[in-house]
């Protein structure tokens, strides 16, 4: 696998949320607005890229690898927790409204299965640069998935797209034209599960359709 494939696999082929179904807890909780999705995505990006790089750098040393290997999971968690603390402190200092909105899900990044999973499955066995690229692809793929969920939920539930604070695109004119109201169901927990389920169903339907076409082409040869 070259570096381009390594980077791109996180968007579609191995998307953390829609393929591996990891990190679903924050995805269901914070995607009530695009602003929240972007904030969580940036936080995960920093933690995932840096943890992958640091862990790979550490495991590249034969001495450190032998020293850390028996207790690698606790060591990984300490590294990830340190990076999450940095993110939490920066958000608290400079993005307080976003910090309050994301709430407990910022410190819970420590136990996000995506980050620990990439550390164990990829970073511990690959070079630092490749591990950083893997982290970038996975984090951006996860962020794109969060953004898709948040756009569906916010547009259908509020009729808006909130980028940051007062920077908001009001789409309620569409609902006024159709003489209907946004369904606030979509910004509630049940709406998160519905949105996630509908997107997964659409993805698998497309994949099955492509598979059927491949099989049909193979049968006609």
N, C-alpha and C. Protein backbone atom coordinates (compact mmCIF):
# COMPACT_ATOMS: atom_id res chain seq x y z
N UNK A 1 0.84 -1.19 0.00
CA UNK A 1 0.00 0.00 0.00
C UNK A 1 0.88 1.25 0.00
N UNK A 2 0.68 2.13 -1.01
CA UNK A 2 1.47 3.36 -1.04
C UNK A 2 0.83 4.40 -0.12
N UNK A 3 1.49 5.56 0.00
CA UNK A 3 1.03 6.58 0.94
C UNK A 3 -0.32 7.17 0.55
N UNK A 4 -0.59 7.27 -0.76
CA UNK A 4 -1.88 7.80 -1.20
C UNK A 4 -3.01 6.86 -0.79
N UNK A 5 -2.84 5.57 -1.04
CA UNK A 5 -3.85 4.59 -0.64
C UNK A 5 -4.01 4.55 0.87
N UNK A 6 -2.89 4.67 1.57
CA UNK A 6 -2.90 4.70 3.03
C UNK A 6 -3.74 5.85 3.55
N UNK A 7 -3.63 7.01 2.88
CA UNK A 7 -4.37 8.19 3.29
C UNK A 7 -5.85 8.08 2.94
N UNK A 8 -6.14 7.62 1.72
CA UNK A 8 -7.52 7.62 1.22
C UNK A 8 -8.39 6.52 1.79
N UNK A 9 -7.79 5.45 2.31
CA UNK A 9 -8.60 4.32 2.78
C UNK A 9 -9.55 4.69 3.90
N UNK A 10 -9.20 5.71 4.68
CA UNK A 10 -10.04 6.12 5.79
C UNK A 10 -11.31 6.84 5.39
N UNK A 11 -11.38 7.30 4.14
CA UNK A 11 -12.56 8.05 3.69
C UNK A 11 -13.72 7.12 3.32
N UNK A 12 -13.44 6.07 2.57
CA UNK A 12 -14.52 5.19 2.10
C UNK A 12 -14.27 3.73 2.48
N UNK A 13 -13.18 3.16 1.98
CA UNK A 13 -12.92 1.73 2.13
C UNK A 13 -12.89 1.28 3.58
N UNK A 14 -12.25 2.07 4.47
CA UNK A 14 -12.16 1.70 5.89
C UNK A 14 -12.64 2.85 6.77
N UNK A 15 -13.69 3.54 6.32
CA UNK A 15 -14.20 4.67 7.10
C UNK A 15 -14.50 4.23 8.54
N UNK A 16 -13.94 4.91 9.53
CA UNK A 16 -14.08 4.46 10.92
C UNK A 16 -15.53 4.35 11.40
N UNK A 17 -16.38 5.29 10.94
CA UNK A 17 -17.75 5.32 11.44
C UNK A 17 -18.69 4.45 10.61
N UNK A 18 -18.65 4.59 9.29
CA UNK A 18 -19.63 3.93 8.44
C UNK A 18 -19.22 2.54 7.97
N UNK A 19 -17.95 2.17 8.12
CA UNK A 19 -17.50 0.83 7.73
C UNK A 19 -17.11 0.01 8.96
N UNK A 20 -16.18 0.56 9.75
CA UNK A 20 -15.75 -0.14 10.96
C UNK A 20 -16.72 0.03 12.11
N UNK A 21 -17.62 1.03 12.01
CA UNK A 21 -18.62 1.35 13.05
C UNK A 21 -17.92 1.57 14.39
N UNK A 22 -16.92 2.42 14.39
CA UNK A 22 -16.21 2.81 15.61
C UNK A 22 -16.48 4.28 15.89
N UNK A 23 -16.41 4.66 17.16
CA UNK A 23 -16.64 6.06 17.54
C UNK A 23 -18.09 6.47 17.37
N UNK A 24 -19.01 5.51 17.51
CA UNK A 24 -20.43 5.82 17.32
C UNK A 24 -21.03 6.65 18.46
N UNK A 25 -20.51 6.48 19.67
CA UNK A 25 -21.07 7.20 20.82
C UNK A 25 -20.99 8.72 20.64
N UNK A 26 -19.80 9.30 20.40
CA UNK A 26 -19.76 10.74 20.16
C UNK A 26 -20.47 11.14 18.87
N UNK A 27 -20.44 10.26 17.86
CA UNK A 27 -21.11 10.58 16.60
C UNK A 27 -22.61 10.77 16.80
N UNK A 28 -23.21 9.93 17.60
CA UNK A 28 -24.64 10.03 17.86
C UNK A 28 -24.97 11.22 18.77
N UNK A 29 -24.03 11.58 19.62
CA UNK A 29 -24.30 12.61 20.63
C UNK A 29 -24.06 14.03 20.14
N UNK A 30 -22.99 14.26 19.39
CA UNK A 30 -22.58 15.64 19.10
C UNK A 30 -23.01 16.16 17.74
N UNK A 31 -23.63 15.31 16.91
CA UNK A 31 -23.94 15.74 15.55
C UNK A 31 -25.26 16.48 15.43
N UNK A 32 -25.60 17.26 16.43
CA UNK A 32 -26.80 18.09 16.36
C UNK A 32 -26.56 19.37 15.57
N UNK A 33 -25.27 19.69 15.31
CA UNK A 33 -24.94 20.85 14.49
C UNK A 33 -23.62 20.62 13.79
N UNK A 34 -23.42 21.31 12.68
CA UNK A 34 -22.17 21.18 11.93
C UNK A 34 -21.00 21.68 12.77
N UNK A 35 -21.22 22.71 13.59
CA UNK A 35 -20.17 23.26 14.44
C UNK A 35 -19.63 22.19 15.39
N UNK A 36 -20.53 21.45 16.02
CA UNK A 36 -20.11 20.39 16.94
C UNK A 36 -19.33 19.30 16.21
N UNK A 37 -19.80 18.94 15.02
CA UNK A 37 -19.13 17.89 14.24
C UNK A 37 -17.72 18.32 13.86
N UNK A 38 -17.56 19.57 13.44
CA UNK A 38 -16.24 20.08 13.08
C UNK A 38 -15.33 20.14 14.30
N UNK A 39 -15.87 20.58 15.43
CA UNK A 39 -15.08 20.65 16.66
C UNK A 39 -14.58 19.29 17.10
N UNK A 40 -15.46 18.30 17.10
CA UNK A 40 -15.06 16.95 17.47
C UNK A 40 -14.08 16.38 16.45
N UNK A 41 -14.30 16.68 15.18
CA UNK A 41 -13.41 16.19 14.13
C UNK A 41 -12.00 16.73 14.27
N UNK A 42 -11.88 18.03 14.58
CA UNK A 42 -10.57 18.64 14.76
C UNK A 42 -9.86 18.04 15.98
N UNK A 43 -10.61 17.83 17.05
CA UNK A 43 -10.03 17.24 18.26
C UNK A 43 -9.52 15.83 17.99
N UNK A 44 -10.33 15.02 17.31
CA UNK A 44 -9.93 13.65 16.99
C UNK A 44 -8.74 13.66 16.03
N UNK A 45 -8.73 14.59 15.10
CA UNK A 45 -7.61 14.69 14.14
C UNK A 45 -6.29 14.91 14.87
N UNK A 46 -6.27 15.88 15.76
CA UNK A 46 -5.03 16.17 16.50
C UNK A 46 -4.57 14.97 17.32
N UNK A 47 -5.49 14.40 18.08
CA UNK A 47 -5.14 13.28 18.96
C UNK A 47 -4.72 12.06 18.16
N UNK A 48 -5.45 11.74 17.11
CA UNK A 48 -5.15 10.53 16.33
C UNK A 48 -3.82 10.64 15.58
N UNK A 49 -3.59 11.78 14.94
CA UNK A 49 -2.34 11.95 14.19
C UNK A 49 -1.13 11.95 15.13
N UNK A 50 -1.23 12.71 16.21
CA UNK A 50 -0.11 12.82 17.14
C UNK A 50 0.14 11.50 17.88
N UNK A 51 -0.92 10.82 18.30
CA UNK A 51 -0.74 9.54 19.01
C UNK A 51 -0.15 8.49 18.09
N UNK A 52 -0.62 8.43 16.85
CA UNK A 52 -0.05 7.50 15.88
C UNK A 52 1.45 7.76 15.68
N UNK A 53 1.79 9.03 15.52
CA UNK A 53 3.19 9.40 15.27
C UNK A 53 4.07 9.07 16.47
N UNK A 54 3.63 9.46 17.66
CA UNK A 54 4.43 9.24 18.87
C UNK A 54 4.59 7.75 19.17
N UNK A 55 3.50 7.01 19.06
CA UNK A 55 3.55 5.56 19.33
C UNK A 55 4.43 4.85 18.31
N UNK A 56 4.31 5.23 17.06
CA UNK A 56 5.15 4.62 16.02
C UNK A 56 6.62 4.95 16.26
N UNK A 57 6.89 6.19 16.63
CA UNK A 57 8.26 6.61 16.91
C UNK A 57 8.84 5.80 18.07
N UNK A 58 8.02 5.61 19.08
CA UNK A 58 8.45 4.86 20.26
C UNK A 58 8.68 3.38 19.92
N UNK A 59 7.78 2.79 19.15
CA UNK A 59 7.89 1.37 18.83
C UNK A 59 8.94 1.09 17.74
N UNK A 60 9.42 2.15 17.10
CA UNK A 60 10.48 1.98 16.09
C UNK A 60 11.83 1.70 16.74
N UNK A 61 11.96 2.07 18.01
CA UNK A 61 13.18 1.80 18.76
C UNK A 61 13.10 0.39 19.35
N UNK A 62 14.04 -0.46 19.00
CA UNK A 62 14.02 -1.85 19.48
C UNK A 62 14.08 -1.91 21.01
N UNK A 63 14.85 -0.99 21.61
CA UNK A 63 14.96 -0.97 23.08
C UNK A 63 13.62 -0.60 23.72
N UNK A 64 13.01 0.50 23.22
CA UNK A 64 11.73 0.94 23.78
C UNK A 64 10.62 -0.07 23.50
N UNK A 65 10.67 -0.70 22.33
CA UNK A 65 9.64 -1.67 21.98
C UNK A 65 9.63 -2.84 22.96
N UNK A 66 10.80 -3.37 23.26
CA UNK A 66 10.90 -4.49 24.20
C UNK A 66 10.49 -4.06 25.61
N UNK A 67 10.79 -2.81 25.95
CA UNK A 67 10.46 -2.29 27.27
C UNK A 67 8.96 -2.07 27.43
N UNK A 68 8.34 -1.55 26.38
CA UNK A 68 6.93 -1.13 26.43
C UNK A 68 5.96 -2.27 26.10
N UNK A 69 6.39 -3.21 25.27
CA UNK A 69 5.49 -4.23 24.72
C UNK A 69 4.62 -4.93 25.77
N UNK A 70 5.15 -5.35 26.93
CA UNK A 70 4.29 -6.04 27.91
C UNK A 70 3.18 -5.16 28.49
N UNK A 71 3.40 -3.84 28.48
CA UNK A 71 2.41 -2.92 29.07
C UNK A 71 2.00 -1.86 28.04
N UNK A 72 1.97 -2.25 26.77
CA UNK A 72 1.78 -1.27 25.71
C UNK A 72 0.42 -0.56 25.77
N UNK A 73 -0.65 -1.29 26.12
CA UNK A 73 -1.98 -0.67 26.14
C UNK A 73 -2.06 0.46 27.17
N UNK A 74 -1.63 0.24 28.43
CA UNK A 74 -1.61 1.36 29.38
C UNK A 74 -0.73 2.52 28.92
N UNK A 75 0.39 2.20 28.27
CA UNK A 75 1.27 3.26 27.76
C UNK A 75 0.57 4.05 26.67
N UNK A 76 -0.11 3.35 25.76
CA UNK A 76 -0.86 4.03 24.71
C UNK A 76 -1.91 4.96 25.31
N UNK A 77 -2.60 4.46 26.32
CA UNK A 77 -3.67 5.25 26.94
C UNK A 77 -3.11 6.51 27.61
N UNK A 78 -1.96 6.39 28.23
CA UNK A 78 -1.32 7.56 28.87
C UNK A 78 -0.97 8.60 27.81
N UNK A 79 -0.41 8.16 26.69
CA UNK A 79 -0.07 9.08 25.59
C UNK A 79 -1.33 9.76 25.05
N UNK A 80 -2.35 8.96 24.79
CA UNK A 80 -3.61 9.50 24.25
C UNK A 80 -4.26 10.46 25.25
N UNK A 81 -4.26 10.09 26.53
CA UNK A 81 -4.86 10.94 27.57
C UNK A 81 -4.14 12.27 27.68
N UNK A 82 -2.83 12.26 27.52
CA UNK A 82 -2.06 13.50 27.57
C UNK A 82 -2.46 14.42 26.41
N UNK A 83 -2.58 13.86 25.23
CA UNK A 83 -2.97 14.66 24.05
C UNK A 83 -4.40 15.18 24.20
N UNK A 84 -5.29 14.36 24.73
CA UNK A 84 -6.68 14.79 24.94
C UNK A 84 -6.73 15.93 25.95
N UNK A 85 -5.91 15.86 26.99
CA UNK A 85 -5.86 16.93 27.99
C UNK A 85 -5.43 18.24 27.35
N UNK A 86 -4.46 18.17 26.45
CA UNK A 86 -4.02 19.38 25.73
C UNK A 86 -5.18 19.97 24.93
N UNK A 87 -5.90 19.10 24.19
CA UNK A 87 -7.04 19.55 23.41
C UNK A 87 -8.10 20.19 24.30
N UNK A 88 -8.39 19.54 25.42
CA UNK A 88 -9.42 20.04 26.34
C UNK A 88 -9.04 21.41 26.91
N UNK A 89 -7.78 21.58 27.28
CA UNK A 89 -7.32 22.86 27.84
C UNK A 89 -7.37 23.98 26.80
N UNK A 90 -6.98 23.66 25.57
CA UNK A 90 -7.01 24.67 24.49
C UNK A 90 -8.45 25.08 24.19
N UNK A 91 -9.35 24.10 24.10
CA UNK A 91 -10.76 24.40 23.84
C UNK A 91 -11.37 25.22 24.97
N UNK A 92 -11.02 24.86 26.20
CA UNK A 92 -11.55 25.58 27.36
C UNK A 92 -11.09 27.03 27.36
N UNK A 93 -9.86 27.25 26.90
CA UNK A 93 -9.29 28.60 26.91
C UNK A 93 -9.76 29.46 25.75
N UNK A 94 -9.89 28.88 24.56
CA UNK A 94 -10.13 29.68 23.37
C UNK A 94 -11.47 29.43 22.68
N UNK A 95 -12.09 28.29 22.94
CA UNK A 95 -13.37 27.96 22.31
C UNK A 95 -14.35 27.47 23.37
N UNK A 96 -14.65 28.34 24.31
CA UNK A 96 -15.39 27.91 25.50
C UNK A 96 -16.81 27.44 25.16
N UNK A 97 -17.48 28.13 24.23
CA UNK A 97 -18.84 27.72 23.87
C UNK A 97 -18.85 26.33 23.25
N UNK A 98 -17.88 26.07 22.38
CA UNK A 98 -17.76 24.75 21.77
C UNK A 98 -17.39 23.71 22.83
N UNK A 99 -16.52 24.11 23.75
CA UNK A 99 -16.12 23.23 24.85
C UNK A 99 -17.34 22.80 25.67
N UNK A 100 -18.22 23.75 25.97
CA UNK A 100 -19.43 23.43 26.74
C UNK A 100 -20.38 22.56 25.92
N UNK A 101 -20.44 22.82 24.64
CA UNK A 101 -21.36 22.07 23.78
C UNK A 101 -20.94 20.61 23.65
N UNK A 102 -19.64 20.37 23.49
CA UNK A 102 -19.14 19.00 23.36
C UNK A 102 -19.11 18.27 24.69
N UNK A 103 -18.93 19.03 25.75
CA UNK A 103 -19.02 18.49 27.11
C UNK A 103 -18.12 17.30 27.39
N UNK A 104 -18.72 16.26 27.95
CA UNK A 104 -17.97 15.08 28.40
C UNK A 104 -17.34 14.31 27.26
N UNK A 105 -17.78 14.57 26.03
CA UNK A 105 -17.26 13.79 24.91
C UNK A 105 -15.84 14.19 24.50
N UNK A 106 -15.35 15.30 25.01
CA UNK A 106 -13.94 15.64 24.77
C UNK A 106 -13.03 14.70 25.56
N UNK A 107 -13.17 14.61 26.90
CA UNK A 107 -12.32 13.66 27.63
C UNK A 107 -12.54 12.20 27.23
N UNK A 108 -13.74 11.89 26.72
CA UNK A 108 -14.02 10.51 26.32
C UNK A 108 -13.28 10.11 25.03
N UNK A 109 -12.62 11.07 24.38
CA UNK A 109 -11.78 10.73 23.23
C UNK A 109 -10.70 9.75 23.65
N UNK A 110 -10.32 9.80 24.92
CA UNK A 110 -9.28 8.88 25.44
C UNK A 110 -9.65 7.43 25.17
N UNK A 111 -10.92 7.09 25.30
CA UNK A 111 -11.34 5.70 25.11
C UNK A 111 -12.03 5.48 23.77
N UNK A 112 -11.84 6.43 22.85
CA UNK A 112 -12.39 6.26 21.51
C UNK A 112 -11.70 5.08 20.83
N UNK A 113 -12.47 4.11 20.39
CA UNK A 113 -11.91 2.87 19.83
C UNK A 113 -11.10 3.12 18.57
N UNK A 114 -11.41 4.19 17.84
CA UNK A 114 -10.66 4.49 16.62
C UNK A 114 -9.20 4.76 16.96
N UNK A 115 -8.96 5.58 17.98
CA UNK A 115 -7.60 6.01 18.30
C UNK A 115 -6.77 4.87 18.86
N UNK A 116 -7.32 4.17 19.84
CA UNK A 116 -6.59 3.04 20.41
C UNK A 116 -6.43 1.91 19.39
N UNK A 117 -7.45 1.73 18.55
CA UNK A 117 -7.39 0.69 17.53
C UNK A 117 -6.31 0.96 16.49
N UNK A 118 -6.18 2.20 16.05
CA UNK A 118 -5.14 2.53 15.07
C UNK A 118 -3.75 2.44 15.70
N UNK A 119 -3.65 2.76 16.98
CA UNK A 119 -2.36 2.65 17.68
C UNK A 119 -1.89 1.20 17.71
N UNK A 120 -2.81 0.30 18.02
CA UNK A 120 -2.46 -1.11 18.16
C UNK A 120 -2.33 -1.80 16.79
N UNK A 121 -3.25 -1.49 15.88
CA UNK A 121 -3.29 -2.21 14.61
C UNK A 121 -2.33 -1.65 13.56
N UNK A 122 -2.01 -0.35 13.65
CA UNK A 122 -1.19 0.24 12.60
C UNK A 122 0.08 0.90 13.12
N UNK A 123 -0.07 1.87 14.00
CA UNK A 123 1.09 2.68 14.42
C UNK A 123 2.20 1.85 15.06
N UNK A 124 1.83 0.82 15.80
CA UNK A 124 2.83 0.01 16.50
C UNK A 124 3.66 -0.85 15.55
N UNK A 125 3.21 -0.97 14.28
CA UNK A 125 3.90 -1.85 13.33
C UNK A 125 4.40 -1.14 12.08
N UNK A 126 4.26 0.19 12.03
CA UNK A 126 4.65 0.92 10.83
C UNK A 126 5.52 2.13 11.18
N UNK A 127 6.11 2.71 10.14
CA UNK A 127 7.00 3.85 10.32
C UNK A 127 6.21 5.09 10.74
N UNK A 128 6.88 6.05 11.42
CA UNK A 128 6.19 7.26 11.91
C UNK A 128 5.44 8.03 10.84
N UNK A 129 6.07 8.25 9.66
CA UNK A 129 5.40 9.01 8.61
C UNK A 129 4.16 8.29 8.11
N UNK A 130 4.27 6.99 7.86
CA UNK A 130 3.10 6.21 7.42
C UNK A 130 2.00 6.21 8.47
N UNK A 131 2.40 6.16 9.73
CA UNK A 131 1.42 6.16 10.83
C UNK A 131 0.70 7.51 10.93
N UNK A 132 1.44 8.59 10.72
CA UNK A 132 0.83 9.93 10.74
C UNK A 132 -0.15 10.08 9.58
N UNK A 133 0.24 9.58 8.40
CA UNK A 133 -0.65 9.64 7.23
C UNK A 133 -1.90 8.80 7.46
N UNK A 134 -1.73 7.62 8.05
CA UNK A 134 -2.88 6.78 8.40
C UNK A 134 -3.82 7.53 9.34
N UNK A 135 -3.24 8.19 10.34
CA UNK A 135 -4.05 8.96 11.28
C UNK A 135 -4.81 10.09 10.62
N UNK A 136 -4.15 10.79 9.69
CA UNK A 136 -4.81 11.88 8.97
C UNK A 136 -6.00 11.37 8.17
N UNK A 137 -5.79 10.28 7.43
CA UNK A 137 -6.86 9.73 6.60
C UNK A 137 -8.04 9.27 7.43
N UNK A 138 -7.75 8.54 8.52
CA UNK A 138 -8.82 8.04 9.38
C UNK A 138 -9.57 9.19 10.07
N UNK A 139 -8.83 10.18 10.54
CA UNK A 139 -9.45 11.32 11.23
C UNK A 139 -10.30 12.14 10.29
N UNK A 140 -9.81 12.39 9.08
CA UNK A 140 -10.59 13.17 8.11
C UNK A 140 -11.80 12.38 7.63
N UNK A 141 -11.65 11.05 7.49
CA UNK A 141 -12.79 10.22 7.12
C UNK A 141 -13.86 10.24 8.21
N UNK A 142 -13.42 10.19 9.45
CA UNK A 142 -14.35 10.26 10.59
C UNK A 142 -15.03 11.62 10.65
N UNK A 143 -14.25 12.69 10.42
CA UNK A 143 -14.81 14.04 10.42
C UNK A 143 -15.84 14.21 9.32
N UNK A 144 -15.55 13.69 8.13
CA UNK A 144 -16.50 13.76 7.01
C UNK A 144 -17.79 13.03 7.36
N UNK A 145 -17.67 11.89 8.03
CA UNK A 145 -18.86 11.13 8.44
C UNK A 145 -19.67 11.92 9.47
N UNK A 146 -18.98 12.56 10.43
CA UNK A 146 -19.68 13.39 11.42
C UNK A 146 -20.39 14.56 10.74
N UNK A 147 -19.71 15.18 9.77
CA UNK A 147 -20.30 16.31 9.07
C UNK A 147 -21.55 15.89 8.30
N UNK A 148 -21.50 14.73 7.65
CA UNK A 148 -22.67 14.25 6.92
C UNK A 148 -23.85 14.03 7.85
N UNK A 149 -23.59 13.37 8.97
CA UNK A 149 -24.66 13.14 9.94
C UNK A 149 -25.22 14.45 10.48
N UNK A 150 -24.33 15.39 10.80
CA UNK A 150 -24.77 16.66 11.39
C UNK A 150 -25.57 17.49 10.39
N UNK A 151 -25.17 17.47 9.12
CA UNK A 151 -25.92 18.22 8.10
C UNK A 151 -27.33 17.67 7.96
N UNK A 152 -27.46 16.36 7.91
CA UNK A 152 -28.79 15.74 7.79
C UNK A 152 -29.64 16.10 9.01
N UNK A 153 -29.07 15.94 10.19
CA UNK A 153 -29.83 16.16 11.42
C UNK A 153 -30.19 17.63 11.61
N UNK A 154 -29.23 18.53 11.36
CA UNK A 154 -29.50 19.95 11.61
C UNK A 154 -30.46 20.53 10.59
N UNK A 155 -30.28 20.17 9.32
CA UNK A 155 -31.17 20.70 8.28
C UNK A 155 -32.60 20.20 8.49
N UNK A 156 -32.75 18.90 8.75
CA UNK A 156 -34.09 18.34 8.94
C UNK A 156 -34.70 18.71 10.29
N UNK A 157 -33.83 18.90 11.30
CA UNK A 157 -34.34 19.16 12.65
C UNK A 157 -34.49 20.62 13.01
N UNK A 158 -33.65 21.48 12.40
CA UNK A 158 -33.70 22.91 12.75
C UNK A 158 -33.88 23.82 11.54
N UNK A 159 -33.54 23.31 10.37
CA UNK A 159 -33.61 24.15 9.18
C UNK A 159 -32.45 25.12 9.08
N UNK A 160 -31.32 24.78 9.72
CA UNK A 160 -30.15 25.65 9.71
C UNK A 160 -28.89 24.83 9.46
N UNK A 161 -27.80 25.55 9.17
CA UNK A 161 -26.46 24.96 9.13
C UNK A 161 -25.56 25.90 9.93
N UNK A 162 -25.13 25.46 11.12
CA UNK A 162 -24.33 26.29 12.00
C UNK A 162 -22.86 25.95 11.83
N UNK A 163 -22.10 26.91 11.32
CA UNK A 163 -20.66 26.71 11.12
C UNK A 163 -19.90 27.07 12.38
N UNK A 164 -20.23 28.23 12.95
CA UNK A 164 -19.56 28.67 14.18
C UNK A 164 -20.34 29.79 14.83
N UNK A 165 -20.84 29.55 16.04
CA UNK A 165 -21.54 30.59 16.77
C UNK A 165 -22.69 31.20 15.98
N UNK A 166 -22.55 32.52 15.70
CA UNK A 166 -23.59 33.24 14.96
C UNK A 166 -23.47 33.06 13.45
N UNK A 167 -22.39 32.41 13.00
CA UNK A 167 -22.22 32.14 11.57
C UNK A 167 -23.11 30.97 11.19
N UNK A 168 -24.30 31.30 10.74
CA UNK A 168 -25.33 30.30 10.53
C UNK A 168 -26.08 30.55 9.24
N UNK A 169 -26.31 29.49 8.49
CA UNK A 169 -27.10 29.58 7.26
C UNK A 169 -28.52 29.12 7.57
N UNK A 170 -29.48 30.03 7.39
CA UNK A 170 -30.88 29.73 7.69
C UNK A 170 -31.58 29.21 6.43
N UNK A 171 -32.05 27.98 6.51
CA UNK A 171 -32.73 27.35 5.37
C UNK A 171 -34.23 27.20 5.61
N UNK A 172 -34.74 27.90 6.61
CA UNK A 172 -36.16 27.75 6.93
C UNK A 172 -37.08 28.26 5.84
N UNK A 173 -36.53 29.06 4.90
CA UNK A 173 -37.35 29.54 3.79
C UNK A 173 -37.88 28.36 2.95
N UNK A 174 -37.10 27.27 2.91
CA UNK A 174 -37.55 26.09 2.17
C UNK A 174 -38.77 25.48 2.85
N UNK A 175 -38.74 25.43 4.18
CA UNK A 175 -39.87 24.88 4.91
C UNK A 175 -41.09 25.80 4.80
N UNK A 176 -40.83 27.13 4.80
CA UNK A 176 -41.93 28.09 4.63
C UNK A 176 -42.58 27.93 3.26
N UNK A 177 -41.75 27.70 2.26
CA UNK A 177 -42.26 27.53 0.89
C UNK A 177 -43.12 26.27 0.80
N UNK A 178 -42.67 25.21 1.47
CA UNK A 178 -43.40 23.94 1.45
C UNK A 178 -44.52 23.90 2.48
N UNK A 179 -44.59 24.95 3.33
CA UNK A 179 -45.61 25.07 4.36
C UNK A 179 -45.55 23.89 5.36
N UNK A 180 -44.33 23.56 5.75
CA UNK A 180 -44.12 22.52 6.77
C UNK A 180 -43.12 23.05 7.79
N UNK A 181 -42.92 22.31 8.85
CA UNK A 181 -41.99 22.68 9.90
C UNK A 181 -40.85 21.67 9.98
N UNK A 182 -39.65 22.12 10.39
CA UNK A 182 -38.56 21.16 10.61
C UNK A 182 -38.97 20.12 11.66
N UNK A 183 -38.48 18.92 11.52
CA UNK A 183 -38.81 17.84 12.46
C UNK A 183 -37.77 17.81 13.57
N UNK A 184 -38.11 18.39 14.73
CA UNK A 184 -37.13 18.42 15.82
C UNK A 184 -36.77 17.03 16.33
N UNK A 185 -37.47 16.02 15.83
CA UNK A 185 -37.15 14.62 16.14
C UNK A 185 -35.69 14.32 15.79
N UNK A 186 -35.18 14.94 14.71
CA UNK A 186 -33.85 14.62 14.22
C UNK A 186 -32.74 15.17 15.10
N UNK A 187 -33.03 16.14 15.95
CA UNK A 187 -31.98 16.64 16.84
C UNK A 187 -32.04 15.98 18.22
N UNK A 188 -32.97 15.04 18.36
CA UNK A 188 -33.08 14.27 19.59
C UNK A 188 -32.33 12.94 19.43
N UNK A 189 -32.07 12.23 20.54
CA UNK A 189 -31.32 10.97 20.44
C UNK A 189 -31.88 9.98 19.43
N UNK A 190 -33.19 9.85 19.37
CA UNK A 190 -33.78 8.90 18.42
C UNK A 190 -33.46 9.31 16.99
N UNK A 191 -33.38 10.62 16.75
CA UNK A 191 -33.03 11.11 15.42
C UNK A 191 -31.62 10.75 15.02
N UNK A 192 -30.73 10.71 16.02
CA UNK A 192 -29.34 10.31 15.75
C UNK A 192 -29.28 8.86 15.28
N UNK A 193 -30.01 7.98 15.96
CA UNK A 193 -30.03 6.57 15.57
C UNK A 193 -30.68 6.39 14.20
N UNK A 194 -31.74 7.13 13.94
CA UNK A 194 -32.42 7.04 12.65
C UNK A 194 -31.50 7.48 11.52
N UNK A 195 -30.84 8.63 11.72
CA UNK A 195 -29.94 9.16 10.70
C UNK A 195 -28.80 8.19 10.43
N UNK A 196 -28.20 7.68 11.50
CA UNK A 196 -27.10 6.73 11.37
C UNK A 196 -27.55 5.47 10.63
N UNK A 197 -28.72 4.98 10.99
CA UNK A 197 -29.26 3.78 10.36
C UNK A 197 -29.56 3.99 8.88
N UNK A 198 -30.17 5.14 8.54
CA UNK A 198 -30.50 5.42 7.14
C UNK A 198 -29.24 5.54 6.28
N UNK A 199 -28.21 6.22 6.82
CA UNK A 199 -26.96 6.38 6.07
C UNK A 199 -26.28 5.02 5.86
N UNK A 200 -26.23 4.21 6.93
CA UNK A 200 -25.64 2.87 6.80
C UNK A 200 -26.41 2.03 5.78
N UNK A 201 -27.73 2.12 5.83
CA UNK A 201 -28.55 1.35 4.89
C UNK A 201 -28.27 1.78 3.45
N UNK A 202 -28.14 3.09 3.23
CA UNK A 202 -27.85 3.60 1.88
C UNK A 202 -26.48 3.14 1.40
N UNK A 203 -25.49 3.17 2.30
CA UNK A 203 -24.13 2.74 1.95
C UNK A 203 -24.11 1.27 1.56
N UNK A 204 -24.75 0.43 2.38
CA UNK A 204 -24.76 -1.01 2.09
C UNK A 204 -25.58 -1.33 0.85
N UNK A 205 -26.63 -0.55 0.58
CA UNK A 205 -27.42 -0.76 -0.63
C UNK A 205 -26.57 -0.46 -1.87
N UNK A 206 -25.80 0.63 -1.81
CA UNK A 206 -24.91 0.98 -2.93
C UNK A 206 -23.84 -0.08 -3.12
N UNK A 207 -23.25 -0.54 -2.01
CA UNK A 207 -22.23 -1.59 -2.10
C UNK A 207 -22.79 -2.88 -2.67
N UNK A 208 -23.99 -3.26 -2.26
CA UNK A 208 -24.61 -4.48 -2.78
C UNK A 208 -24.92 -4.36 -4.26
N UNK A 209 -25.34 -3.15 -4.67
CA UNK A 209 -25.64 -2.91 -6.08
C UNK A 209 -24.38 -3.04 -6.92
N UNK A 210 -23.27 -2.48 -6.43
CA UNK A 210 -21.99 -2.58 -7.14
C UNK A 210 -21.53 -4.03 -7.22
N UNK A 211 -21.73 -4.77 -6.12
CA UNK A 211 -21.33 -6.17 -6.10
C UNK A 211 -22.14 -7.00 -7.09
N UNK A 212 -23.44 -6.70 -7.19
CA UNK A 212 -24.30 -7.40 -8.14
C UNK A 212 -23.87 -7.13 -9.58
N UNK A 213 -23.47 -5.88 -9.85
CA UNK A 213 -23.02 -5.52 -11.19
C UNK A 213 -21.73 -6.25 -11.54
N UNK A 214 -20.82 -6.35 -10.56
CA UNK A 214 -19.57 -7.07 -10.78
C UNK A 214 -19.81 -8.54 -11.07
N UNK A 215 -20.72 -9.14 -10.29
CA UNK A 215 -21.05 -10.54 -10.49
C UNK A 215 -21.72 -10.76 -11.86
N UNK A 216 -22.58 -9.80 -12.24
CA UNK A 216 -23.27 -9.91 -13.53
C UNK A 216 -22.27 -9.82 -14.68
N UNK A 217 -21.31 -8.91 -14.56
CA UNK A 217 -20.28 -8.76 -15.60
C UNK A 217 -19.44 -10.02 -15.67
N UNK A 218 -19.12 -10.58 -14.50
CA UNK A 218 -18.31 -11.80 -14.46
C UNK A 218 -19.03 -12.97 -15.09
N UNK A 219 -20.37 -13.00 -14.93
CA UNK A 219 -21.15 -14.11 -15.48
C UNK A 219 -21.34 -14.03 -16.99
N UNK A 220 -21.26 -12.78 -17.54
CA UNK A 220 -21.45 -12.62 -18.97
C UNK A 220 -20.18 -12.87 -19.77
N UNK A 221 -19.03 -12.95 -19.08
CA UNK A 221 -17.76 -13.16 -19.78
C UNK A 221 -17.58 -14.63 -20.14
